[in-house]
């Protein structure tokens, strides 16, 4: 009888594993439950249950099962997987303290294994604790001096710290026979060169990765982002189209696990290239078998960009209400997004509640300035001018010099001056409106126009004209062409016409600032308030729509 029970038990375990590999999670769950009825104290059975429930999206059940597994395996005799998997779940959820605690326990139980040191180092790296991250990677190398991934990750940490020479030295000393390591090494060398301002050299490294591994989508990814960072959007889109067919469909969680980084970058690129429906589709596909919060946040972002605000709200509220973890810094971003959504929906009290939560929780200068700016817009839309003025003034600061590093802060500064100008216009004070709008002009010129590659202005003008012919319904083409004319200081009157066309297609405050900059170059400072009123009238949107569509969208 005992022999029969053992055979039945083993069959349940075998089927549970088989179904798990096939992606049949409900059947895998049922078989694992049958197994645990017979073998209730097997840590391996609870490890299996933890994996199944995690991929079913039952995060709390997965944590319970994995904790049960580790509690039954106090001497570390079964597997390190339960600790590493539990640590990974905590990291995904943003519970970094719990992740560190779990992985330190794994190191204590398995002192001769490099893996727990690697996993702990990743958590430290994610939380920007670079010194501890390097220490743990080096501990992994003491155990296995040929652990190539550890060398690459140390180089990444040094890169993130800004110690480029140390990063390059490590990368150049790595053996790169295997594709993943060769690609990572080449792309990191490219990033280092880019950071040093050697753009041609950087581009060569990124292209070399593609030449060596043309069927590996990761080879293409860094070149795409390189072009995006350097305002070469059309080149980025061309490479993206070549890469897209190389990414396997996310049909099951094993497929997803092998390509998790690819899928996250894919969604990010889909959003950057305005393929919002495709991004929505990708996120939904992945969330069918993984509860990874990053994809929940990206799905909400895709909804927002499509104007599906109630759908985005539902996801953010679900994250706030149902995720036990504090989500680290992500919860601040979630509250901020909820505030913006409620503002756009006209639910002013709810918007104020969430903006206030962000101010209570964050110490980040950019977030604080951005919230005061948003509050200024909110009160302005409600015609509560005194409160709007107070919030705008809290958002003001001296613009930063490094436009790439402080891009967001400088945008807030320019936007705040612009909306202060609108506020003075509303209060029938055009002279003050002129003065504050004049403050926005040089900041905007630094922030936006200098990000364009001056060496290729003529080429960009031709490309933008072609884009307008291909997609005459898109406001962005008219806006960019106007900006290029201003940068080259040609056809300024034509640039004003282009901006009016852009504003008639889609309202955006950027149009107003560029119009003001044109007037400055034409020596018509006194025309700025008139242009603002003219464009505002032409945009044909309600007050709340106008102010909720802020410059930071």
Protein backbone atom coordinates (compact mmCIF):
# COMPACT_ATOMS: atom_id res chain seq x y z
CA UNK A 1 0.00 0.00 0.00
CA UNK A 2 2.86 2.36 0.88
CA UNK A 3 4.48 1.61 -2.48
CA UNK A 4 1.21 2.44 -4.29
CA UNK A 5 0.91 5.75 -2.42
CA UNK A 6 4.46 6.64 -3.40
CA UNK A 7 3.71 5.87 -7.05
CA UNK A 8 0.53 8.00 -6.98
CA UNK A 9 2.42 10.80 -5.24
CA UNK A 10 5.19 10.72 -7.83
CA UNK A 11 2.65 10.75 -10.67
CA UNK A 12 0.99 13.88 -9.25
CA UNK A 13 4.40 15.57 -8.93
CA UNK A 14 5.40 14.54 -12.45
CA UNK A 15 2.15 15.82 -13.96
CA UNK A 16 2.39 19.07 -12.02
CA UNK A 17 5.86 19.73 -13.45
CA UNK A 18 4.76 18.64 -16.94
CA UNK A 19 1.71 20.93 -16.92
CA UNK A 20 3.83 23.79 -15.60
CA UNK A 21 6.26 23.45 -18.51
CA UNK A 22 3.32 23.35 -20.93
CA UNK A 23 1.90 26.53 -19.43
CA UNK A 24 -1.29 24.73 -18.27
CA UNK A 25 -1.27 26.46 -14.91
CA UNK A 26 -4.69 25.39 -13.59
CA UNK A 27 -3.91 21.71 -14.21
CA UNK A 28 -0.42 22.16 -12.73
CA UNK A 29 -1.96 23.74 -9.63
CA UNK A 30 -4.47 20.91 -9.20
CA UNK A 31 -1.78 18.23 -9.54
CA UNK A 32 0.51 20.00 -7.04
CA UNK A 33 -2.34 20.21 -4.52
CA UNK A 34 -2.93 16.46 -4.88
CA UNK A 35 0.78 15.86 -4.34
CA UNK A 36 0.89 18.01 -1.20
CA UNK A 37 -2.10 16.17 0.28
CA UNK A 38 0.08 13.07 0.35
CA UNK A 39 3.46 14.72 0.95
CA UNK A 40 2.56 17.74 3.10
CA UNK A 41 6.07 18.43 4.41
CA UNK A 42 8.05 18.38 1.17
CA UNK A 43 9.75 21.77 0.61
CA UNK A 44 10.15 20.93 -3.08
CA UNK A 45 6.38 20.55 -3.41
CA UNK A 46 5.82 24.02 -1.94
CA UNK A 47 8.53 25.47 -4.20
CA UNK A 48 6.61 24.07 -7.16
CA UNK A 49 3.33 25.44 -5.79
CA UNK A 50 4.97 28.85 -5.31
CA UNK A 51 6.11 28.94 -8.93
CA UNK A 52 2.68 27.91 -10.23
CA UNK A 53 0.73 30.42 -8.14
CA UNK A 54 3.15 33.22 -9.01
CA UNK A 55 2.63 32.64 -12.71
CA UNK A 56 -1.11 32.50 -12.10
CA UNK A 57 -0.83 36.03 -10.75
CA UNK A 58 -1.55 34.93 -7.15
CA UNK A 59 1.37 36.78 -5.61
CA UNK A 60 0.34 36.39 -1.97
CA UNK A 61 -0.23 32.64 -2.40
CA UNK A 62 3.18 32.33 -4.06
CA UNK A 63 4.90 34.11 -1.17
CA UNK A 64 3.09 31.88 1.34
CA UNK A 65 4.12 28.69 -0.51
CA UNK A 66 7.75 29.76 -0.85
CA UNK A 67 7.94 30.77 2.81
CA UNK A 68 6.53 27.35 3.66
CA UNK A 69 9.21 25.77 1.48
CA UNK A 70 12.03 27.68 3.18
CA UNK A 71 10.63 26.93 6.65
CA UNK A 72 10.76 23.18 5.88
CA UNK A 73 14.26 23.42 4.42
CA UNK A 74 16.05 25.02 7.36
CA UNK A 75 19.34 23.24 6.66
CA UNK A 76 19.39 24.12 2.98
CA UNK A 77 19.41 20.51 1.87
CA UNK A 78 16.80 20.67 -0.91
CA UNK A 79 17.27 23.67 -3.20
CA UNK A 80 18.36 27.29 -3.28
CA UNK A 81 15.63 28.02 -5.82
CA UNK A 82 12.98 28.73 -3.20
CA UNK A 83 15.08 31.52 -1.64
CA UNK A 84 16.11 33.02 -4.98
CA UNK A 85 12.58 32.86 -6.35
CA UNK A 86 11.14 34.42 -3.20
CA UNK A 87 13.79 37.16 -3.32
CA UNK A 88 12.95 37.82 -6.98
CA UNK A 89 9.22 38.16 -6.20
CA UNK A 90 9.92 40.65 -3.41
CA UNK A 91 12.13 42.66 -5.81
CA UNK A 92 9.43 42.67 -8.51
CA UNK A 93 6.95 43.98 -5.95
CA UNK A 94 9.37 46.62 -4.69
CA UNK A 95 9.75 45.01 -1.25
CA UNK A 96 13.51 45.39 -1.30
CA UNK A 97 14.09 44.97 2.45
CA UNK A 98 12.35 41.59 2.36
CA UNK A 99 14.30 40.61 -0.75
CA UNK A 100 17.61 41.46 0.94
CA UNK A 101 16.63 39.59 4.11
CA UNK A 102 15.65 36.47 2.13
CA UNK A 103 18.81 36.43 0.00
CA UNK A 104 21.10 36.97 2.99
CA UNK A 105 19.52 33.89 4.55
CA UNK A 106 20.21 31.99 1.32
CA UNK A 107 23.88 33.05 1.47
CA UNK A 108 24.10 31.80 5.05
CA UNK A 109 22.64 28.41 4.07
CA UNK A 110 24.59 28.08 0.81
CA UNK A 111 28.00 29.72 1.47
CA UNK A 112 29.65 27.92 -1.46
CA UNK A 113 27.21 29.07 -4.16
CA UNK A 114 27.69 32.24 -6.23
CA UNK A 115 24.03 32.62 -7.27
CA UNK A 116 22.61 34.13 -4.03
CA UNK A 117 25.42 36.73 -4.04
CA UNK A 118 24.50 37.61 -7.63
CA UNK A 119 20.82 37.97 -6.78
CA UNK A 120 21.57 40.11 -3.71
CA UNK A 121 23.90 42.30 -5.78
CA UNK A 122 21.08 42.88 -8.30
CA UNK A 123 18.79 44.12 -5.52
CA UNK A 124 21.47 46.52 -4.25
CA UNK A 125 22.05 47.73 -7.82
CA UNK A 126 18.30 48.31 -8.31
CA UNK A 127 18.21 50.41 -5.15
CA UNK A 128 21.35 52.39 -6.19
CA UNK A 129 23.46 50.98 -3.36
CA UNK A 130 26.44 50.64 -5.69
CA UNK A 131 29.11 49.89 -3.08
CA UNK A 132 27.23 46.89 -1.68
CA UNK A 133 26.32 45.71 -5.18
CA UNK A 134 30.00 45.60 -6.21
CA UNK A 135 30.90 43.82 -2.96
CA UNK A 136 28.35 41.04 -3.60
CA UNK A 137 29.39 40.61 -7.23
CA UNK A 138 32.99 40.25 -6.05
CA UNK A 139 31.88 37.68 -3.46
CA UNK A 140 30.33 35.69 -6.32
CA UNK A 141 33.65 35.87 -8.19
CA UNK A 142 35.55 34.57 -5.16
CA UNK A 143 33.42 31.44 -5.42
CA UNK A 144 33.53 31.21 -9.22
CA UNK A 145 36.26 33.31 -10.84
CA UNK A 146 34.95 32.43 -14.33
CA UNK A 147 31.47 33.86 -13.69
CA UNK A 148 31.40 36.18 -16.74
CA UNK A 149 28.00 37.66 -15.87
CA UNK A 150 29.41 38.97 -12.58
CA UNK A 151 32.17 40.89 -14.41
CA UNK A 152 29.63 42.44 -16.79
CA UNK A 153 27.37 43.47 -13.92
CA UNK A 154 30.27 45.08 -12.04
CA UNK A 155 31.04 47.04 -15.20
CA UNK A 156 27.38 48.13 -15.33
CA UNK A 157 27.51 49.32 -11.73
CA UNK A 158 30.63 51.39 -12.42
CA UNK A 159 28.92 52.82 -15.51
CA UNK A 160 25.88 53.83 -13.44
CA UNK A 161 28.23 55.39 -10.87
CA UNK A 162 29.84 57.43 -13.64
CA UNK A 163 33.23 55.71 -13.27
CA UNK A 164 33.61 55.07 -17.00
CA UNK A 165 37.31 54.12 -17.06
CA UNK A 166 36.77 51.37 -14.50
CA UNK A 167 33.75 50.11 -16.41
CA UNK A 168 35.68 50.00 -19.72
CA UNK A 169 38.69 48.26 -18.13
CA UNK A 170 36.52 45.43 -16.82
CA UNK A 171 34.63 44.99 -20.10
CA UNK A 172 37.81 44.89 -22.17
CA UNK A 173 39.17 42.10 -19.97
CA UNK A 174 36.15 39.81 -20.45
CA UNK A 175 36.21 36.78 -22.75
CA UNK A 176 33.33 37.30 -25.17
CA UNK A 177 32.90 33.98 -26.99
CA UNK A 178 29.22 33.56 -26.06
CA UNK A 179 26.61 35.76 -27.77
CA UNK A 180 24.92 37.24 -24.66
CA UNK A 181 28.25 38.36 -23.19
CA UNK A 182 29.56 39.71 -26.50
CA UNK A 183 26.37 41.73 -27.06
CA UNK A 184 26.37 43.10 -23.51
CA UNK A 185 30.06 44.00 -23.74
CA UNK A 186 29.72 45.80 -27.08
CA UNK A 187 26.61 47.71 -26.06
CA UNK A 188 28.16 48.78 -22.77
CA UNK A 189 31.28 49.99 -24.59
CA UNK A 190 28.91 51.92 -26.85
CA UNK A 191 27.17 53.49 -23.86
CA UNK A 192 30.53 54.50 -22.38
CA UNK A 193 31.61 56.15 -25.66
CA UNK A 194 28.26 57.93 -25.91
CA UNK A 195 28.62 59.23 -22.36
CA UNK A 196 32.06 60.57 -23.30
CA UNK A 197 30.55 62.39 -26.29
CA UNK A 198 32.10 60.10 -28.92
CA UNK A 199 28.85 59.43 -30.79
CA UNK A 200 30.35 57.94 -33.98
CA UNK A 201 32.41 55.50 -31.94
CA UNK A 202 29.35 54.58 -29.88
CA UNK A 203 27.28 53.97 -33.02
CA UNK A 204 30.05 51.70 -34.36
CA UNK A 205 29.92 49.52 -31.24
CA UNK A 206 26.12 49.20 -31.42
CA UNK A 207 26.23 48.33 -35.13
CA UNK A 208 29.00 45.79 -34.53
CA UNK A 209 26.71 43.87 -32.18
CA UNK A 210 24.10 43.61 -34.96
CA UNK A 211 26.71 42.52 -37.52
CA UNK A 212 27.92 39.71 -35.25
CA UNK A 213 24.46 38.55 -34.11
CA UNK A 214 21.86 39.64 -36.71
CA UNK A 215 19.21 37.21 -35.43
CA UNK A 216 19.47 38.28 -31.79
CA UNK A 217 16.95 41.09 -31.01
CA UNK A 218 19.04 42.33 -28.09
CA UNK A 219 21.70 43.34 -30.63
CA UNK A 220 19.27 45.88 -32.11
CA UNK A 221 17.82 47.28 -28.91
CA UNK A 222 20.70 49.53 -27.83
CA UNK A 223 21.11 51.05 -31.31
CA UNK A 224 17.41 51.95 -31.30
CA UNK A 225 17.68 53.67 -27.91
CA UNK A 226 20.91 55.38 -29.02
CA UNK A 227 19.11 56.93 -32.00
CA UNK A 228 16.16 57.96 -29.80
CA UNK A 229 18.46 59.61 -27.25
CA UNK A 230 20.13 61.54 -30.05
CA UNK A 231 16.90 62.67 -31.74
CA UNK A 232 17.29 60.37 -34.78
CA UNK A 233 13.77 59.03 -34.60
CA UNK A 234 13.43 57.88 -38.20
CA UNK A 235 16.65 55.83 -37.97
CA UNK A 236 15.38 54.35 -34.70
CA UNK A 237 12.09 53.34 -36.32
CA UNK A 238 13.91 51.66 -39.23
CA UNK A 239 15.96 49.49 -36.85
CA UNK A 240 12.87 48.82 -34.74
CA UNK A 241 11.03 47.45 -37.80
CA UNK A 242 13.94 45.10 -38.52
CA UNK A 243 13.98 43.88 -34.92
CA UNK A 244 10.28 43.40 -34.27
CA UNK A 245 9.96 40.08 -36.14
CA UNK A 246 12.88 38.60 -34.19
CA UNK A 247 11.12 38.84 -30.81
CA UNK A 248 9.23 35.62 -29.98
CA UNK A 249 5.61 36.03 -28.97
CA UNK A 250 4.94 36.01 -25.24
CA UNK A 251 2.73 32.91 -25.26
CA UNK A 252 3.70 31.31 -21.94
CA UNK A 253 5.64 32.18 -18.83
CA UNK A 254 8.76 30.20 -19.72
CA UNK A 255 8.97 32.07 -22.97
CA UNK A 256 8.50 35.27 -20.97
CA UNK A 257 11.16 34.38 -18.38
CA UNK A 258 13.76 33.79 -21.09
CA UNK A 259 13.01 37.15 -22.71
CA UNK A 260 11.70 39.36 -19.89
CA UNK A 261 14.08 42.24 -20.64
CA UNK A 262 13.14 42.13 -24.32
CA UNK A 263 9.42 42.38 -23.63
CA UNK A 264 9.84 45.29 -21.25
CA UNK A 265 11.94 47.18 -23.80
CA UNK A 266 9.48 46.23 -26.53
CA UNK A 267 6.59 47.82 -24.63
CA UNK A 268 8.67 50.91 -23.92
CA UNK A 269 9.51 51.29 -27.63
CA UNK A 270 5.90 50.68 -28.67
CA UNK A 271 4.92 53.59 -26.43
CA UNK A 272 7.77 55.79 -27.68
CA UNK A 273 6.73 55.17 -31.30
CA UNK A 274 3.07 55.87 -30.43
CA UNK A 275 1.97 52.26 -31.04
CA UNK A 276 -0.27 52.44 -27.99
CA UNK A 277 -2.63 49.65 -28.97
CA UNK A 278 0.29 47.30 -29.61
CA UNK A 279 1.77 48.20 -26.21
CA UNK A 280 -1.61 47.49 -24.61
CA UNK A 281 -1.78 44.12 -26.40
CA UNK A 282 1.76 43.13 -25.33
CA UNK A 283 1.15 44.06 -21.69
CA UNK A 284 -2.15 42.17 -21.54
CA UNK A 285 -0.53 39.10 -23.08
CA UNK A 286 2.23 39.09 -20.47
CA UNK A 287 -0.08 39.81 -17.54
CA UNK A 288 -2.00 36.63 -18.41
CA UNK A 289 0.84 34.61 -16.87
CA UNK A 290 2.96 37.07 -14.88
CA UNK A 291 1.87 39.62 -12.25
CA UNK A 292 5.00 41.73 -12.84
CA UNK A 293 4.04 45.20 -11.63
CA UNK A 294 6.17 46.89 -14.30
CA UNK A 295 3.81 45.64 -16.99
CA UNK A 296 0.78 46.75 -14.97
CA UNK A 297 2.27 50.24 -14.84
CA UNK A 298 3.07 50.20 -18.56
CA UNK A 299 -0.46 49.02 -19.39
CA UNK A 300 -1.87 51.92 -17.36
CA UNK A 301 0.48 54.26 -19.23
CA UNK A 302 -0.73 52.87 -22.58
CA UNK A 303 -4.33 53.46 -21.49
CA UNK A 304 -3.55 57.05 -20.47
CA UNK A 305 -1.91 57.79 -23.80
CA UNK A 306 -5.01 56.50 -25.59
CA UNK A 307 -7.28 58.63 -23.41
CA UNK A 308 -8.68 55.54 -21.63
CA UNK A 309 -8.48 57.24 -18.27
CA UNK A 310 -11.00 55.08 -16.37
CA UNK A 311 -9.15 51.91 -17.45
CA UNK A 312 -5.84 53.42 -16.30
CA UNK A 313 -7.45 54.50 -13.02
CA UNK A 314 -8.66 50.93 -12.39
CA UNK A 315 -5.13 49.55 -12.73
CA UNK A 316 -3.55 52.19 -10.49
CA UNK A 317 -6.28 51.74 -7.86
CA UNK A 318 -5.80 47.98 -8.01
CA UNK A 319 -2.08 48.42 -7.40
CA UNK A 320 -2.73 50.70 -4.43
CA UNK A 321 -5.49 48.55 -2.90
CA UNK A 322 -4.43 44.97 -3.59
CA UNK A 323 -0.65 44.92 -3.60
CA UNK A 324 0.57 44.35 -0.06
CA UNK A 325 3.98 45.77 -0.79
CA UNK A 326 4.72 49.50 -0.49
CA UNK A 327 6.21 49.29 -4.04
CA UNK A 328 9.16 51.42 -3.00
CA UNK A 329 9.39 54.69 -4.95
CA UNK A 330 6.84 53.39 -7.47
CA UNK A 331 3.92 54.17 -5.17
CA UNK A 332 4.77 57.88 -5.43
CA UNK A 333 4.57 57.63 -9.23
CA UNK A 334 1.24 55.78 -8.94
CA UNK A 335 -0.23 58.49 -6.69
CA UNK A 336 1.04 61.17 -9.08
CA UNK A 337 -0.58 59.43 -12.06
CA UNK A 338 -3.87 59.08 -10.17
CA UNK A 339 -3.77 62.79 -9.38
CA UNK A 340 -3.25 63.61 -13.07
CA UNK A 341 -6.05 61.25 -14.15
CA UNK A 342 -8.55 62.73 -11.69
CA UNK A 343 -7.56 66.24 -12.80
CA UNK A 344 -8.28 65.32 -16.42
CA UNK A 345 -11.57 63.68 -15.42
CA UNK A 346 -12.58 66.84 -13.54
CA UNK A 347 -12.58 65.05 -10.15
CA UNK A 348 -10.77 67.90 -8.44
CA UNK A 349 -11.06 66.70 -4.81
CA UNK A 350 -9.60 63.30 -5.68
CA UNK A 351 -6.80 64.97 -7.66
CA UNK A 352 -5.92 67.19 -4.69
CA UNK A 353 -5.89 64.17 -2.37
CA UNK A 354 -3.35 62.27 -4.45
CA UNK A 355 -1.17 65.28 -5.20
CA UNK A 356 -1.02 65.91 -1.44
CA UNK A 357 0.01 62.29 -0.83
CA UNK A 358 2.94 62.71 -3.22
CA UNK A 359 4.11 65.87 -1.44
CA UNK A 360 3.96 64.04 1.89
CA UNK A 361 5.94 61.04 0.64
CA UNK A 362 8.64 62.36 -1.70
CA UNK A 363 11.85 64.27 -1.16
CA UNK A 364 12.75 64.31 -4.85
CA UNK A 365 13.15 67.91 -6.09
CA UNK A 366 11.78 67.19 -9.56
CA UNK A 367 8.65 65.48 -8.24
CA UNK A 368 8.00 68.26 -5.72
CA UNK A 369 8.32 71.00 -8.35
CA UNK A 370 6.16 69.04 -10.77
CA UNK A 371 3.38 68.59 -8.20
CA UNK A 372 3.34 72.32 -7.37
CA UNK A 373 3.19 73.02 -11.11
CA UNK A 374 0.25 70.59 -11.48
CA UNK A 375 -1.50 72.16 -8.49
CA UNK A 376 -1.02 75.57 -10.11
CA UNK A 377 -2.69 74.28 -13.28
CA UNK A 378 -5.52 72.75 -11.26
CA UNK A 379 -6.31 75.91 -9.30
CA UNK A 380 -5.88 77.99 -12.46
CA UNK A 381 -8.46 75.83 -14.27
CA UNK A 382 -10.84 76.46 -11.36
CA UNK A 383 -10.11 80.21 -11.62
CA UNK A 384 -8.78 80.24 -8.06
CA UNK A 385 -6.08 82.68 -9.06
CA UNK A 386 -4.49 83.35 -5.65
CA UNK A 387 -3.91 79.66 -4.99
CA UNK A 388 -2.68 79.13 -8.56
CA UNK A 389 -0.19 81.98 -8.17
CA UNK A 390 1.11 80.52 -4.89
CA UNK A 391 1.62 77.07 -6.42
CA UNK A 392 3.30 78.40 -9.56
CA UNK A 393 5.74 80.36 -7.40
CA UNK A 394 6.57 77.18 -5.44
CA UNK A 395 7.31 75.45 -8.75
CA UNK A 396 9.73 78.16 -9.93
CA UNK A 397 13.50 77.80 -9.56
CA UNK A 398 16.68 78.81 -11.32
CA UNK A 399 17.10 76.68 -14.45
CA UNK A 400 19.87 74.08 -14.43
CA UNK A 401 22.77 74.26 -16.88
CA UNK A 402 23.03 70.61 -17.99
CA UNK A 403 19.96 70.35 -20.23
CA UNK A 404 20.21 66.59 -20.77
CA UNK A 405 20.67 65.70 -17.11
CA UNK A 406 18.11 68.23 -15.84
CA UNK A 407 15.76 68.10 -18.82
CA UNK A 408 12.63 67.52 -16.73
CA UNK A 409 13.40 70.28 -14.24
CA UNK A 410 14.06 72.80 -16.99
CA UNK A 411 10.82 71.84 -18.73
CA UNK A 412 8.95 72.50 -15.47
CA UNK A 413 10.65 75.89 -15.18
CA UNK A 414 9.72 76.95 -18.73
CA UNK A 415 6.18 75.63 -18.35
CA UNK A 416 5.64 77.44 -15.05
CA UNK A 417 6.66 80.79 -16.54
CA UNK A 418 4.34 80.17 -19.48
CA UNK A 419 1.31 79.43 -17.33
CA UNK A 420 2.10 82.35 -15.06
CA UNK A 421 1.81 84.41 -18.23
CA UNK A 422 -1.63 82.93 -18.86
CA UNK A 423 -2.59 83.70 -15.27
CA UNK A 424 -1.64 87.36 -15.67
CA UNK A 425 -3.61 87.50 -18.93
CA UNK A 426 -6.64 86.13 -17.07
CA UNK A 427 -6.17 88.89 -14.50
CA UNK A 428 -5.99 91.55 -17.27
CA UNK A 429 -2.30 92.27 -16.67
CA UNK A 430 -0.67 91.90 -20.13
CA UNK A 431 2.56 93.68 -19.15
CA UNK A 432 3.27 91.16 -16.40
CA UNK A 433 2.32 88.38 -18.82
CA UNK A 434 4.99 89.62 -21.23
CA UNK A 435 7.63 89.74 -18.49
CA UNK A 436 7.11 86.17 -17.27
CA UNK A 437 6.79 84.74 -20.80
CA UNK A 438 10.12 86.37 -21.64
CA UNK A 439 11.63 84.31 -18.79
CA UNK A 440 10.40 81.09 -20.41
CA UNK A 441 11.88 81.79 -23.84
CA UNK A 442 15.64 81.35 -23.15
CA UNK A 443 15.02 78.29 -20.98
CA UNK A 444 12.95 76.66 -23.69
CA UNK A 445 15.56 77.53 -26.29
CA UNK A 446 18.21 75.77 -24.18
CA UNK A 447 16.06 72.77 -23.31
CA UNK A 448 14.43 71.93 -26.60
CA UNK A 449 16.19 73.48 -29.55
CA UNK A 450 19.72 72.63 -28.44
CA UNK A 451 18.80 68.96 -28.16
CA UNK A 452 18.54 68.86 -31.96
CA UNK A 453 21.67 67.86 -33.84
CA UNK A 454 22.85 71.11 -35.45
CA UNK A 455 25.05 69.28 -37.94
CA UNK A 456 22.05 67.65 -39.58
CA UNK A 457 19.42 70.40 -39.59
CA UNK A 458 18.95 70.41 -43.37
CA UNK A 459 18.54 66.64 -43.40
CA UNK A 460 16.04 66.83 -40.54
CA UNK A 461 14.09 69.56 -42.34
CA UNK A 462 13.75 67.34 -45.43
CA UNK A 463 12.77 64.30 -43.34
CA UNK A 464 10.18 66.32 -41.42
CA UNK A 465 8.66 67.71 -44.64
CA UNK A 466 8.31 64.13 -45.92
CA UNK A 467 6.69 63.12 -42.65
CA UNK A 468 4.14 65.94 -42.96
CA UNK A 469 3.26 64.76 -46.48
CA UNK A 470 2.87 61.18 -45.26
CA UNK A 471 0.96 62.05 -42.08
CA UNK A 472 -0.65 65.50 -42.54
CA UNK A 473 -3.04 64.81 -39.64
CA UNK A 474 -0.23 64.67 -37.02
CA UNK A 475 0.57 67.92 -35.20
CA UNK A 476 4.09 66.82 -34.21
CA UNK A 477 5.46 67.17 -37.76
CA UNK A 478 4.38 70.82 -38.10
CA UNK A 479 5.73 71.59 -34.62
CA UNK A 480 9.13 70.00 -35.29
CA UNK A 481 9.51 71.74 -38.65
CA UNK A 482 8.71 75.08 -37.01
CA UNK A 483 11.36 74.33 -34.37
CA UNK A 484 13.93 73.51 -37.04
CA UNK A 485 13.21 76.79 -38.85
CA UNK A 486 13.67 78.68 -35.58
CA UNK A 487 16.92 76.85 -34.83
CA UNK A 488 18.29 77.75 -38.28
CA UNK A 489 16.69 81.22 -38.05
CA UNK A 490 14.96 80.93 -41.43
CA UNK A 491 11.33 81.24 -42.54
CA UNK A 492 10.18 82.50 -39.14
CA UNK A 493 6.83 83.71 -40.47
CA UNK A 494 6.31 80.25 -42.02
CA UNK A 495 7.17 78.75 -38.65
CA UNK A 496 4.32 80.73 -37.05
CA UNK A 497 1.89 79.39 -39.67
CA UNK A 498 3.12 75.84 -38.99
CA UNK A 499 2.50 76.31 -35.27
CA UNK A 500 -1.04 77.53 -35.89
CA UNK A 501 -1.62 74.42 -38.00
CA UNK A 502 -0.19 72.18 -35.26
CA UNK A 503 -2.39 73.84 -32.64
CA UNK A 504 -5.50 73.41 -34.81
CA UNK A 505 -4.81 69.65 -34.96
CA UNK A 506 -3.86 69.09 -31.34
CA UNK A 507 -3.57 71.48 -28.44
CA UNK A 508 -0.23 71.51 -26.68
CA UNK A 509 1.43 74.28 -24.64
CA UNK A 510 4.77 73.74 -26.42
CA UNK A 511 3.28 75.55 -29.42
CA UNK A 512 2.84 78.70 -27.32
CA UNK A 513 6.42 78.78 -26.11
CA UNK A 514 7.85 78.32 -29.59
CA UNK A 515 5.55 81.08 -30.88
CA UNK A 516 6.89 83.37 -28.16
CA UNK A 517 10.45 82.47 -29.12
CA UNK A 518 9.74 83.38 -32.76
CA UNK A 519 8.34 86.76 -31.70
CA UNK A 520 11.47 87.37 -29.66
CA UNK A 521 13.68 86.62 -32.67
CA UNK A 522 11.51 88.93 -34.82
CA UNK A 523 11.77 91.67 -32.18
CA UNK A 524 8.03 91.60 -31.46
CA UNK A 525 8.00 91.03 -27.72
CA UNK A 526 4.79 93.04 -27.33
CA UNK A 527 3.02 90.51 -29.60
CA UNK A 528 3.53 87.59 -27.22
CA UNK A 529 0.27 88.00 -25.22
CA UNK A 530 -1.71 88.39 -28.45
CA UNK A 531 -0.20 85.21 -29.87
CA UNK A 532 -1.00 83.33 -26.69
CA UNK A 533 -4.62 84.44 -26.76
CA UNK A 534 -4.87 83.72 -30.50
CA UNK A 535 -3.53 80.19 -30.19
CA UNK A 536 -5.57 79.51 -27.08
CA UNK A 537 -8.73 80.57 -28.91
CA UNK A 538 -7.85 78.48 -31.97
CA UNK A 539 -7.23 75.37 -29.88
CA UNK A 540 -10.98 75.28 -29.16
CA UNK A 541 -10.73 73.34 -25.89
CA UNK A 542 -12.42 73.84 -22.54
CA UNK A 543 -10.52 75.48 -19.69
CA UNK A 544 -10.18 72.21 -17.79
CA UNK A 545 -9.01 70.35 -20.92
CA UNK A 546 -6.50 73.08 -21.63
CA UNK A 547 -4.93 73.06 -18.20
CA UNK A 548 -5.06 69.28 -17.70
CA UNK A 549 -3.13 68.87 -20.98
CA UNK A 550 0.00 70.26 -19.38
CA UNK A 551 3.39 70.78 -20.95
CA UNK A 552 4.66 67.73 -19.07
CA UNK A 553 2.29 65.24 -20.71
